[in-house]
Amino acid sequence: MVAFEKGWFEDAGIDAEVAGIYWAGGSPEMEAMRAGEMNVAYVGISPVINAIGHGLDAKVVAAAQKEAQVLVVAATNGTPDWIYTRPSDLEGKTIGTLTSGSIQDVIFDNWMNKMAAEGRLDKNKVTVKYMGVGDMMSGLATKNLDAIYFSEELTEIPVVAGYGAFTNLTSYETYPNHPCCVLLVSEDLIENHPDIVKKLVEIHINATEYVMNHPEETAEIVNNFLEWEEHGYPKEAILRGLKAEGPIPIGFDSNPHNITDATMDIVSIHYKRGYIDEQLSESDIFDYSFYDEVIEERGM
């Protein structure tokens, strides 16, 4: 969004347009990429693993951010309807999270399995419902959900509006340092237009640095780009997320090397859950060459 607003694609000679904004999660975005509707995507690493595992020809060329997931409980005028202090507090509750196979689903479910194995949670007593962003917000507001487990920057919406309250259950506990979104590029673009891919990575790095250093301006750009307030979402929520005013900051990081180990661990989780039929290798998922070339040219 920042790159579009700043005209950086045009400056680089790239004819870019937004193919779609996927509030329902990364799985439908990957289906659109598989159908040829886009050749570049910002998307969570978990849907990427699923898509590549089922034949999508694409590679992660840069990271975007890490961690930043948090449990938010239903609240009334900012006061929590219930208090989370330990895993067993989730028993008897209905939790909303993004679609099955999303990074939120994989991280949260994997953590619950660990808590169950340690005798700290009866997972059978927890109901998890998969849904898009809008349904999570409305479900929390109408008390049809007891909580949501989702990205901090978007959980700022119910917190600012008063129908949600943060807890201390964040990525720090469920899966420290896990990758979230990445920059994914089709193999066709890599093979036939490597010059464009390199420019995309450079723009991505510049935009990441700009977002980190200009949160107020970025919040305004995001608000206008997504017509945020027209959806009933307070602009203040964007700024709070960018300025890390919640319980866990958005871990902006464009370096794909910094997410390799955790990504390969998540690949193993996908395989064990039956989401993919065989283990993927690091080279199946990543192409570091463009990022490395840009960084080397910058003397970094």
C-alpha atoms as a PDB file:
ATOM      1  CA  MET A   1       0.000   0.000   0.000  1.00  0.00           C
ATOM      2  CA  VAL A   2       2.819   2.375   0.876  1.00  0.00           C
ATOM      3  CA  ALA A   3       4.663   1.490  -2.344  1.00  0.00           C
ATOM      4  CA  PHE A   4       1.560   2.196  -4.423  1.00  0.00           C
ATOM      5  CA  GLU A   5       0.915   5.477  -2.630  1.00  0.00           C
ATOM      6  CA  LYS A   6       4.521   6.580  -3.064  1.00  0.00           C
ATOM      7  CA  GLY A   7       4.584   5.623  -6.733  1.00  0.00           C
ATOM      8  CA  TRP A   8       7.552   3.298  -6.264  1.00  0.00           C
ATOM      9  CA  PHE A   9       6.274   0.670  -8.697  1.00  0.00           C
ATOM     10  CA  GLU A  10       5.824   3.256 -11.417  1.00  0.00           C
ATOM     11  CA  ASP A  11       9.256   4.718 -10.671  1.00  0.00           C
ATOM     12  CA  ALA A  12      10.752   1.238 -11.106  1.00  0.00           C
ATOM     13  CA  GLY A  13       8.972   0.743 -14.431  1.00  0.00           C
ATOM     14  CA  ILE A  14       6.655  -1.930 -13.028  1.00  0.00           C
ATOM     15  CA  ASP A  15       3.038  -1.982 -14.176  1.00  0.00           C
ATOM     16  CA  ALA A  16       1.466  -3.229 -10.943  1.00  0.00           C
ATOM     17  CA  GLU A  17      -2.136  -3.441  -9.825  1.00  0.00           C
ATOM     18  CA  VAL A  18      -3.944  -4.931  -6.839  1.00  0.00           C
ATOM     19  CA  ALA A  19      -5.591  -8.186  -7.885  1.00  0.00           C
ATOM     20  CA  GLY A  20      -7.546  -8.563  -4.663  1.00  0.00           C
ATOM     21  CA  ILE A  21      -7.660  -8.036  -0.907  1.00  0.00           C
ATOM     22  CA  TYR A  22      -8.450 -11.278   0.874  1.00  0.00           C
ATOM     23  CA  TRP A  23     -10.139 -10.669   4.221  1.00  0.00           C
ATOM     24  CA  ALA A  24     -11.034 -14.369   4.404  1.00  0.00           C
ATOM     25  CA  GLY A  25      -7.378 -15.388   4.688  1.00  0.00           C
ATOM     26  CA  GLY A  26      -4.519 -16.732   2.619  1.00  0.00           C
ATOM     27  CA  SER A  27      -6.124 -19.927   1.306  1.00  0.00           C
ATOM     28  CA  PRO A  28      -8.428 -18.188  -1.204  1.00  0.00           C
ATOM     29  CA  GLU A  29      -5.532 -15.913  -2.135  1.00  0.00           C
ATOM     30  CA  MET A  30      -3.438 -18.956  -3.003  1.00  0.00           C
ATOM     31  CA  GLU A  31      -6.296 -20.388  -5.052  1.00  0.00           C
ATOM     32  CA  ALA A  32      -6.395 -17.120  -6.992  1.00  0.00           C
ATOM     33  CA  MET A  33      -2.637 -17.327  -7.561  1.00  0.00           C
ATOM     34  CA  ARG A  34      -2.965 -20.922  -8.721  1.00  0.00           C
ATOM     35  CA  ALA A  35      -5.635 -19.758 -11.183  1.00  0.00           C
ATOM     36  CA  GLY A  36      -3.250 -17.176 -12.621  1.00  0.00           C
ATOM     37  CA  GLU A  37      -5.085 -14.156 -11.250  1.00  0.00           C
ATOM     38  CA  MET A  38      -1.875 -12.831  -9.645  1.00  0.00           C
ATOM     39  CA  ASN A  39       1.837 -13.513  -9.750  1.00  0.00           C
ATOM     40  CA  VAL A  40       2.864 -11.760  -6.522  1.00  0.00           C
ATOM     41  CA  ALA A  41       1.250 -12.136  -3.101  1.00  0.00           C
ATOM     42  CA  TYR A  42       1.593 -10.923   0.454  1.00  0.00           C
ATOM     43  CA  VAL A  43       0.333 -13.927   2.383  1.00  0.00           C
ATOM     44  CA  GLY A  44       0.864 -15.975   5.530  1.00  0.00           C
ATOM     45  CA  ILE A  45       3.536 -18.676   5.409  1.00  0.00           C
ATOM     46  CA  SER A  46       1.087 -21.435   6.330  1.00  0.00           C
ATOM     47  CA  PRO A  47      -1.136 -21.093   3.221  1.00  0.00           C
ATOM     48  CA  VAL A  48       2.083 -20.846   1.198  1.00  0.00           C
ATOM     49  CA  ILE A  49       3.258 -24.213   2.527  1.00  0.00           C
ATOM     50  CA  ASN A  50      -0.120 -25.776   1.743  1.00  0.00           C
ATOM     51  CA  ALA A  51      -0.195 -24.310  -1.766  1.00  0.00           C
ATOM     52  CA  ILE A  52       3.369 -25.309  -2.676  1.00  0.00           C
ATOM     53  CA  GLY A  53       2.732 -28.731  -1.187  1.00  0.00           C
ATOM     54  CA  HIS A  54      -0.169 -29.102  -3.608  1.00  0.00           C
ATOM     55  CA  GLY A  55       1.671 -27.985  -6.703  1.00  0.00           C
ATOM     56  CA  LEU A  56       1.785 -24.189  -6.749  1.00  0.00           C
ATOM     57  CA  ASP A  57       4.937 -23.058  -8.561  1.00  0.00           C
ATOM     58  CA  ALA A  58       6.072 -20.118  -6.462  1.00  0.00           C
ATOM     59  CA  LYS A  59       8.833 -19.105  -4.064  1.00  0.00           C
ATOM     60  CA  VAL A  60       9.164 -16.941  -0.974  1.00  0.00           C
ATOM     61  CA  VAL A  61      11.632 -14.188  -1.900  1.00  0.00           C
ATOM     62  CA  ALA A  62      11.371 -12.091   1.263  1.00  0.00           C
ATOM     63  CA  ALA A  63       9.870 -12.175   4.727  1.00  0.00           C
ATOM     64  CA  ALA A  64       7.399  -9.514   5.872  1.00  0.00           C
ATOM     65  CA  GLN A  65       6.870  -9.946   9.605  1.00  0.00           C
ATOM     66  CA  LYS A  66       6.989 -12.400  12.486  1.00  0.00           C
ATOM     67  CA  GLU A  67       4.825 -13.254  15.506  1.00  0.00           C
ATOM     68  CA  ALA A  68       2.154 -10.709  16.558  1.00  0.00           C
ATOM     69  CA  GLN A  69      -0.668 -13.194  17.296  1.00  0.00           C
ATOM     70  CA  VAL A  70      -2.747 -12.663  20.431  1.00  0.00           C
ATOM     71  CA  LEU A  71      -5.856 -13.977  22.191  1.00  0.00           C
ATOM     72  CA  VAL A  72      -8.524 -11.290  22.617  1.00  0.00           C
ATOM     73  CA  VAL A  73     -11.528 -12.052  24.823  1.00  0.00           C
ATOM     74  CA  ALA A  74     -15.009 -10.620  24.451  1.00  0.00           C
ATOM     75  CA  ALA A  75     -15.526  -7.456  26.474  1.00  0.00           C
ATOM     76  CA  THR A  76     -18.238  -4.997  27.409  1.00  0.00           C
ATOM     77  CA  ASN A  77     -17.189  -1.351  27.197  1.00  0.00           C
ATOM     78  CA  GLY A  78     -13.572  -2.464  27.475  1.00  0.00           C
ATOM     79  CA  THR A  79     -14.070  -4.706  30.508  1.00  0.00           C
ATOM     80  CA  PRO A  80     -13.268  -8.382  29.801  1.00  0.00           C
ATOM     81  CA  ASP A  81     -16.240 -10.751  29.998  1.00  0.00           C
ATOM     82  CA  TRP A  82     -13.863 -13.391  31.349  1.00  0.00           C
ATOM     83  CA  ILE A  83     -10.219 -13.585  32.380  1.00  0.00           C
ATOM     84  CA  TYR A  84      -7.563 -15.745  30.753  1.00  0.00           C
ATOM     85  CA  THR A  85      -4.781 -16.791  33.117  1.00  0.00           C
ATOM     86  CA  ARG A  86      -3.975 -20.398  32.156  1.00  0.00           C
ATOM     87  CA  PRO A  87      -4.659 -22.833  29.269  1.00  0.00           C
ATOM     88  CA  SER A  88      -7.506 -24.593  31.096  1.00  0.00           C
ATOM     89  CA  ASP A  89      -9.422 -21.290  31.084  1.00  0.00           C
ATOM     90  CA  LEU A  90     -10.167 -22.005  27.410  1.00  0.00           C
ATOM     91  CA  GLU A  91     -12.260 -25.052  28.299  1.00  0.00           C
ATOM     92  CA  GLY A  92     -15.925 -24.468  27.533  1.00  0.00           C
ATOM     93  CA  LYS A  93     -15.090 -21.483  25.334  1.00  0.00           C
ATOM     94  CA  THR A  94     -15.669 -20.857  21.629  1.00  0.00           C
ATOM     95  CA  ILE A  95     -12.655 -19.309  19.916  1.00  0.00           C
ATOM     96  CA  GLY A  96     -12.673 -17.761  16.470  1.00  0.00           C
ATOM     97  CA  THR A  97      -9.599 -17.724  14.254  1.00  0.00           C
ATOM     98  CA  LEU A  98      -8.752 -17.396  10.587  1.00  0.00           C
ATOM     99  CA  THR A  99      -9.531 -20.148   8.104  1.00  0.00           C
ATOM    100  CA  SER A 100      -8.289 -23.715   8.537  1.00  0.00           C
ATOM    101  CA  GLY A 101      -4.680 -23.990   7.437  1.00  0.00           C
ATOM    102  CA  SER A 102      -3.904 -20.358   8.245  1.00  0.00           C
ATOM    103  CA  ILE A 103      -0.852 -19.492  10.316  1.00  0.00           C
ATOM    104  CA  GLN A 104      -3.188 -18.635  13.213  1.00  0.00           C
ATOM    105  CA  ASP A 105      -4.873 -22.040  12.997  1.00  0.00           C
ATOM    106  CA  VAL A 106      -1.596 -23.967  12.820  1.00  0.00           C
ATOM    107  CA  ILE A 107       0.115 -22.040  15.627  1.00  0.00           C
ATOM    108  CA  PHE A 108      -2.881 -22.057  17.982  1.00  0.00           C
ATOM    109  CA  ASP A 109      -3.784 -25.701  17.371  1.00  0.00           C
ATOM    110  CA  ASN A 110      -0.180 -26.828  17.764  1.00  0.00           C
ATOM    111  CA  TRP A 111       0.055 -24.950  21.070  1.00  0.00           C
ATOM    112  CA  MET A 112      -3.197 -26.504  22.309  1.00  0.00           C
ATOM    113  CA  ASN A 113      -1.858 -29.954  21.463  1.00  0.00           C
ATOM    114  CA  LYS A 114       1.250 -29.239  23.534  1.00  0.00           C
ATOM    115  CA  MET A 115      -0.847 -27.980  26.457  1.00  0.00           C
ATOM    116  CA  ALA A 116      -3.043 -31.089  26.242  1.00  0.00           C
ATOM    117  CA  ALA A 117       0.030 -33.346  26.222  1.00  0.00           C
ATOM    118  CA  GLU A 118       1.260 -31.591  29.382  1.00  0.00           C
ATOM    119  CA  GLY A 119      -2.121 -32.069  31.071  1.00  0.00           C
ATOM    120  CA  ARG A 120      -2.795 -28.320  31.192  1.00  0.00           C
ATOM    121  CA  LEU A 121      -5.775 -28.313  28.800  1.00  0.00           C
ATOM    122  CA  ASP A 122      -8.589 -30.631  27.755  1.00  0.00           C
ATOM    123  CA  LYS A 123      -8.623 -29.709  24.087  1.00  0.00           C
ATOM    124  CA  ASN A 124     -11.895 -31.579  23.518  1.00  0.00           C
ATOM    125  CA  LYS A 125     -13.615 -28.946  25.632  1.00  0.00           C
ATOM    126  CA  VAL A 126     -12.476 -26.071  23.412  1.00  0.00           C
ATOM    127  CA  THR A 127     -14.476 -25.139  20.310  1.00  0.00           C
ATOM    128  CA  VAL A 128     -12.504 -23.486  17.520  1.00  0.00           C
ATOM    129  CA  LYS A 129     -14.389 -21.892  14.639  1.00  0.00           C
ATOM    130  CA  TYR A 130     -12.720 -20.841  11.389  1.00  0.00           C
ATOM    131  CA  MET A 131     -13.851 -17.623   9.714  1.00  0.00           C
ATOM    132  CA  GLY A 132     -12.911 -14.409   7.950  1.00  0.00           C
ATOM    133  CA  VAL A 133     -12.004 -11.116   9.586  1.00  0.00           C
ATOM    134  CA  GLY A 134     -15.504  -9.608   9.493  1.00  0.00           C
ATOM    135  CA  ASP A 135     -17.110 -12.674  11.066  1.00  0.00           C
ATOM    136  CA  MET A 136     -14.511 -12.667  13.833  1.00  0.00           C
ATOM    137  CA  MET A 137     -15.289  -9.050  14.657  1.00  0.00           C
ATOM    138  CA  SER A 138     -19.046  -9.467  14.566  1.00  0.00           C
ATOM    139  CA  GLY A 139     -18.872 -12.748  16.483  1.00  0.00           C
ATOM    140  CA  LEU A 140     -16.923 -11.095  19.278  1.00  0.00           C
ATOM    141  CA  ALA A 141     -19.187  -8.043  19.314  1.00  0.00           C
ATOM    142  CA  THR A 142     -22.383 -10.124  19.518  1.00  0.00           C
ATOM    143  CA  LYS A 143     -20.919 -12.510  22.144  1.00  0.00           C
ATOM    144  CA  ASN A 144     -21.239 -15.476  19.790  1.00  0.00           C
ATOM    145  CA  LEU A 145     -17.516 -15.915  20.296  1.00  0.00           C
ATOM    146  CA  ASP A 146     -15.818 -15.925  23.666  1.00  0.00           C
ATOM    147  CA  ALA A 147     -12.504 -14.904  22.119  1.00  0.00           C
ATOM    148  CA  ILE A 148     -10.503 -14.657  18.917  1.00  0.00           C
ATOM    149  CA  TYR A 149      -6.895 -15.654  18.242  1.00  0.00           C
ATOM    150  CA  PHE A 150      -5.602 -13.372  15.536  1.00  0.00           C
ATOM    151  CA  SER A 151      -2.997 -10.842  14.393  1.00  0.00           C
ATOM    152  CA  GLU A 152      -2.391  -8.048  16.889  1.00  0.00           C
ATOM    153  CA  GLU A 153      -2.819  -5.211  14.400  1.00  0.00           C
ATOM    154  CA  LEU A 154      -6.344  -6.403  13.545  1.00  0.00           C
ATOM    155  CA  THR A 155      -7.327  -7.329  17.089  1.00  0.00           C
ATOM    156  CA  GLU A 156      -6.799  -3.660  17.870  1.00  0.00           C
ATOM    157  CA  ILE A 157     -10.176  -3.141  16.179  1.00  0.00           C
ATOM    158  CA  PRO A 158     -12.353  -4.761  18.897  1.00  0.00           C
ATOM    159  CA  VAL A 159     -10.064  -3.475  21.655  1.00  0.00           C
ATOM    160  CA  VAL A 160     -10.332   0.149  20.516  1.00  0.00           C
ATOM    161  CA  ALA A 161     -14.082  -0.274  19.954  1.00  0.00           C
ATOM    162  CA  GLY A 162     -14.511  -1.717  23.479  1.00  0.00           C
ATOM    163  CA  TYR A 163     -15.933  -5.147  22.638  1.00  0.00           C
ATOM    164  CA  GLY A 164     -12.589  -6.934  22.981  1.00  0.00           C
ATOM    165  CA  ALA A 165      -9.787  -7.043  25.561  1.00  0.00           C
ATOM    166  CA  PHE A 166      -6.203  -8.243  25.195  1.00  0.00           C
ATOM    167  CA  THR A 167      -4.842 -11.186  27.182  1.00  0.00           C
ATOM    168  CA  ASN A 168      -1.275 -12.247  27.880  1.00  0.00           C
ATOM    169  CA  LEU A 169      -1.576 -15.243  25.523  1.00  0.00           C
ATOM    170  CA  THR A 170       0.524 -14.136  22.556  1.00  0.00           C
ATOM    171  CA  SER A 171       2.994 -15.615  20.077  1.00  0.00           C
ATOM    172  CA  TYR A 172       5.622 -15.252  22.788  1.00  0.00           C
ATOM    173  CA  GLU A 173       3.968 -18.283  24.401  1.00  0.00           C
ATOM    174  CA  THR A 174       2.220 -20.111  21.559  1.00  0.00           C
ATOM    175  CA  TYR A 175       5.203 -20.089  19.157  1.00  0.00           C
ATOM    176  CA  PRO A 176       8.031 -17.592  19.745  1.00  0.00           C
ATOM    177  CA  ASN A 177       9.582 -16.027  16.640  1.00  0.00           C
ATOM    178  CA  HIS A 178       7.250 -17.761  14.184  1.00  0.00           C
ATOM    179  CA  PRO A 179       6.943 -16.339  10.656  1.00  0.00           C
ATOM    180  CA  CYS A 180       3.717 -14.736   9.610  1.00  0.00           C
ATOM    181  CA  CYS A 181       3.428 -13.035   6.211  1.00  0.00           C
ATOM    182  CA  VAL A 182       5.882 -13.297   3.346  1.00  0.00           C
ATOM    183  CA  LEU A 183       6.419 -11.973  -0.167  1.00  0.00           C
ATOM    184  CA  LEU A 184       5.585 -14.809  -2.569  1.00  0.00           C
ATOM    185  CA  VAL A 185       6.388 -14.675  -6.297  1.00  0.00           C
ATOM    186  CA  SER A 186       5.418 -17.088  -9.059  1.00  0.00           C
ATOM    187  CA  GLU A 187       8.095 -19.264 -10.648  1.00  0.00           C
ATOM    188  CA  ASP A 188       7.022 -17.888 -14.022  1.00  0.00           C
ATOM    189  CA  LEU A 189       7.893 -14.344 -12.959  1.00  0.00           C
ATOM    190  CA  ILE A 190      11.180 -15.532 -11.434  1.00  0.00           C
ATOM    191  CA  GLU A 191      12.217 -17.409 -14.560  1.00  0.00           C
ATOM    192  CA  ASN A 192      11.046 -14.941 -17.186  1.00  0.00           C
ATOM    193  CA  HIS A 193      11.360 -11.577 -15.437  1.00  0.00           C
ATOM    194  CA  PRO A 194      14.064 -11.818 -12.752  1.00  0.00           C
ATOM    195  CA  ASP A 195      14.761  -8.087 -13.135  1.00  0.00           C
ATOM    196  CA  ILE A 196      11.212  -7.323 -12.010  1.00  0.00           C
ATOM    197  CA  VAL A 197      11.464  -9.710  -9.064  1.00  0.00           C
ATOM    198  CA  LYS A 198      14.646  -8.006  -7.891  1.00  0.00           C
ATOM    199  CA  LYS A 199      12.925  -4.623  -8.095  1.00  0.00           C
ATOM    200  CA  LEU A 200       9.936  -5.986  -6.169  1.00  0.00           C
ATOM    201  CA  VAL A 201      12.197  -7.202  -3.378  1.00  0.00           C
ATOM    202  CA  GLU A 202      13.975  -3.855  -3.243  1.00  0.00           C
ATOM    203  CA  ILE A 203      10.653  -2.004  -3.092  1.00  0.00           C
ATOM    204  CA  HIS A 204       9.472  -4.386  -0.378  1.00  0.00           C
ATOM    205  CA  ILE A 205      12.576  -3.725   1.745  1.00  0.00           C
ATOM    206  CA  ASN A 206      12.184   0.043   1.298  1.00  0.00           C
ATOM    207  CA  ALA A 207       8.479  -0.078   2.129  1.00  0.00           C
ATOM    208  CA  THR A 208       9.107  -2.161   5.256  1.00  0.00           C
ATOM    209  CA  GLU A 209      11.653   0.365   6.498  1.00  0.00           C
ATOM    210  CA  TYR A 210       9.299   3.244   5.672  1.00  0.00           C
ATOM    211  CA  VAL A 211       6.389   1.686   7.561  1.00  0.00           C
ATOM    212  CA  MET A 212       8.561   1.173  10.634  1.00  0.00           C
ATOM    213  CA  ASN A 213       9.763   4.784  10.598  1.00  0.00           C
ATOM    214  CA  HIS A 214       6.530   6.547   9.599  1.00  0.00           C
ATOM    215  CA  PRO A 215       3.627   4.920  11.497  1.00  0.00           C
ATOM    216  CA  GLU A 216       1.314   7.964  11.403  1.00  0.00           C
ATOM    217  CA  GLU A 217       1.584   8.420   7.642  1.00  0.00           C
ATOM    218  CA  THR A 218       1.328   4.666   7.095  1.00  0.00           C
ATOM    219  CA  ALA A 219      -1.875   4.524   9.153  1.00  0.00           C
ATOM    220  CA  GLU A 220      -3.391   7.216   6.954  1.00  0.00           C
ATOM    221  CA  ILE A 221      -2.355   5.375   3.782  1.00  0.00           C
ATOM    222  CA  VAL A 222      -3.804   2.065   5.032  1.00  0.00           C
ATOM    223  CA  ASN A 223      -7.010   3.752   6.148  1.00  0.00           C
ATOM    224  CA  ASN A 224      -7.557   5.317   2.724  1.00  0.00           C
ATOM    225  CA  PHE A 225      -6.398   2.303   0.722  1.00  0.00           C
ATOM    226  CA  LEU A 226      -8.657  -0.203   2.511  1.00  0.00           C
ATOM    227  CA  GLU A 227     -11.506   2.262   3.131  1.00  0.00           C
ATOM    228  CA  TRP A 228     -10.994   1.210   6.740  1.00  0.00           C
ATOM    229  CA  GLU A 229     -13.403   3.564   8.472  1.00  0.00           C
ATOM    230  CA  GLU A 230     -16.100   2.853   5.883  1.00  0.00           C
ATOM    231  CA  HIS A 231     -15.991  -0.759   7.130  1.00  0.00           C
ATOM    232  CA  GLY A 232     -16.651   0.540  10.637  1.00  0.00           C
ATOM    233  CA  TYR A 233     -13.085   0.002  11.812  1.00  0.00           C
ATOM    234  CA  PRO A 234     -11.447   2.844  13.783  1.00  0.00           C
ATOM    235  CA  LYS A 235      -8.330   4.352  12.181  1.00  0.00           C
ATOM    236  CA  GLU A 236      -6.789   4.532  15.654  1.00  0.00           C
ATOM    237  CA  ALA A 237      -6.547   0.720  15.587  1.00  0.00           C
ATOM    238  CA  ILE A 238      -4.116   0.835  12.647  1.00  0.00           C
ATOM    239  CA  LEU A 239      -1.850   3.334  14.368  1.00  0.00           C
ATOM    240  CA  ARG A 240      -1.865   1.434  17.667  1.00  0.00           C
ATOM    241  CA  GLY A 241      -0.781  -1.711  15.835  1.00  0.00           C
ATOM    242  CA  LEU A 242       1.992   0.061  13.945  1.00  0.00           C
ATOM    243  CA  LYS A 243       3.271   1.747  17.106  1.00  0.00           C
ATOM    244  CA  ALA A 244       3.224  -1.532  19.069  1.00  0.00           C
ATOM    245  CA  GLU A 245       0.859  -0.255  21.746  1.00  0.00           C
ATOM    246  CA  GLY A 246      -0.657  -3.710  22.280  1.00  0.00           C
ATOM    247  CA  PRO A 247       0.806  -6.753  24.087  1.00  0.00           C
ATOM    248  CA  ILE A 248       3.019  -7.882  21.191  1.00  0.00           C
ATOM    249  CA  PRO A 249       4.539  -5.810  18.371  1.00  0.00           C
ATOM    250  CA  ILE A 250       4.380  -6.549  14.662  1.00  0.00           C
ATOM    251  CA  GLY A 251       7.785  -8.085  14.063  1.00  0.00           C
ATOM    252  CA  PHE A 252       8.632  -6.381  10.774  1.00  0.00           C
ATOM    253  CA  ASP A 253      11.511  -8.214   9.108  1.00  0.00           C
ATOM    254  CA  SER A 254      12.141  -8.539   5.371  1.00  0.00           C
ATOM    255  CA  ASN A 255      15.065 -10.979   5.708  1.00  0.00           C
ATOM    256  CA  PRO A 256      13.909 -14.468   4.583  1.00  0.00           C
ATOM    257  CA  HIS A 257      16.923 -16.116   6.234  1.00  0.00           C
ATOM    258  CA  ASN A 258      15.490 -15.107   9.614  1.00  0.00           C
ATOM    259  CA  ILE A 259      12.382 -17.261   9.142  1.00  0.00           C
ATOM    260  CA  THR A 260      13.923 -20.377   7.594  1.00  0.00           C
ATOM    261  CA  ASP A 261      14.208 -22.604  10.671  1.00  0.00           C
ATOM    262  CA  ALA A 262      10.728 -21.822  11.985  1.00  0.00           C
ATOM    263  CA  THR A 263       9.223 -22.235   8.520  1.00  0.00           C
ATOM    264  CA  MET A 264      10.718 -25.709   8.156  1.00  0.00           C
ATOM    265  CA  ASP A 265       9.350 -26.631  11.579  1.00  0.00           C
ATOM    266  CA  ILE A 266       5.903 -25.467  10.453  1.00  0.00           C
ATOM    267  CA  VAL A 267       6.312 -27.596   7.319  1.00  0.00           C
ATOM    268  CA  SER A 268       6.709 -30.599   9.627  1.00  0.00           C
ATOM    269  CA  ILE A 269       3.552 -29.615  11.505  1.00  0.00           C
ATOM    270  CA  HIS A 270       1.635 -29.429   8.216  1.00  0.00           C
ATOM    271  CA  TYR A 271       2.910 -32.851   7.212  1.00  0.00           C
ATOM    272  CA  LYS A 272       1.955 -34.421  10.554  1.00  0.00           C
ATOM    273  CA  ARG A 273      -1.520 -32.903  10.327  1.00  0.00           C
ATOM    274  CA  GLY A 274      -2.003 -34.246   6.811  1.00  0.00           C
ATOM    275  CA  TYR A 275      -2.236 -30.828   5.191  1.00  0.00           C
ATOM    276  CA  ILE A 276       0.526 -31.820   2.748  1.00  0.00           C
ATOM    277  CA  ASP A 277       1.366 -35.290   1.456  1.00  0.00           C
ATOM    278  CA  GLU A 278       5.147 -35.075   1.716  1.00  0.00           C
ATOM    279  CA  GLN A 279       7.810 -33.047   3.455  1.00  0.00           C
ATOM    280  CA  LEU A 280       8.984 -29.957   1.563  1.00  0.00           C
ATOM    281  CA  SER A 281      12.607 -28.915   1.431  1.00  0.00           C
ATOM    282  CA  GLU A 282      13.963 -25.441   2.067  1.00  0.00           C
ATOM    283  CA  SER A 283      14.625 -25.030  -1.655  1.00  0.00           C
ATOM    284  CA  ASP A 284      10.996 -25.943  -2.407  1.00  0.00           C
ATOM    285  CA  ILE A 285       9.892 -22.862  -0.512  1.00  0.00           C
ATOM    286  CA  PHE A 286      12.615 -20.209  -0.623  1.00  0.00           C
ATOM    287  CA  ASP A 287      14.613 -18.328  -3.239  1.00  0.00           C
ATOM    288  CA  TYR A 288      17.017 -16.114  -1.317  1.00  0.00           C
ATOM    289  CA  SER A 289      18.973 -14.902  -4.332  1.00  0.00           C
ATOM    290  CA  PHE A 290      17.063 -11.679  -4.977  1.00  0.00           C
ATOM    291  CA  TYR A 291      17.137 -10.540  -1.368  1.00  0.00           C
ATOM    292  CA  ASP A 292      20.813 -11.432  -1.037  1.00  0.00           C
ATOM    293  CA  GLU A 293      21.691  -9.528  -4.202  1.00  0.00           C
ATOM    294  CA  VAL A 294      19.884  -6.387  -3.062  1.00  0.00           C
ATOM    295  CA  ILE A 295      21.518  -6.507   0.369  1.00  0.00           C
ATOM    296  CA  GLU A 296      24.965  -7.112  -1.112  1.00  0.00           C
ATOM    297  CA  GLU A 297      24.581  -4.126  -3.435  1.00  0.00           C
ATOM    298  CA  ARG A 298      23.693  -1.984  -0.430  1.00  0.00           C
ATOM    299  CA  GLY A 299      26.798  -3.158   1.376  1.00  0.00           C
ATOM    300  CA  MET A 300      24.767  -4.586   4.229  1.00  0.00           C
END
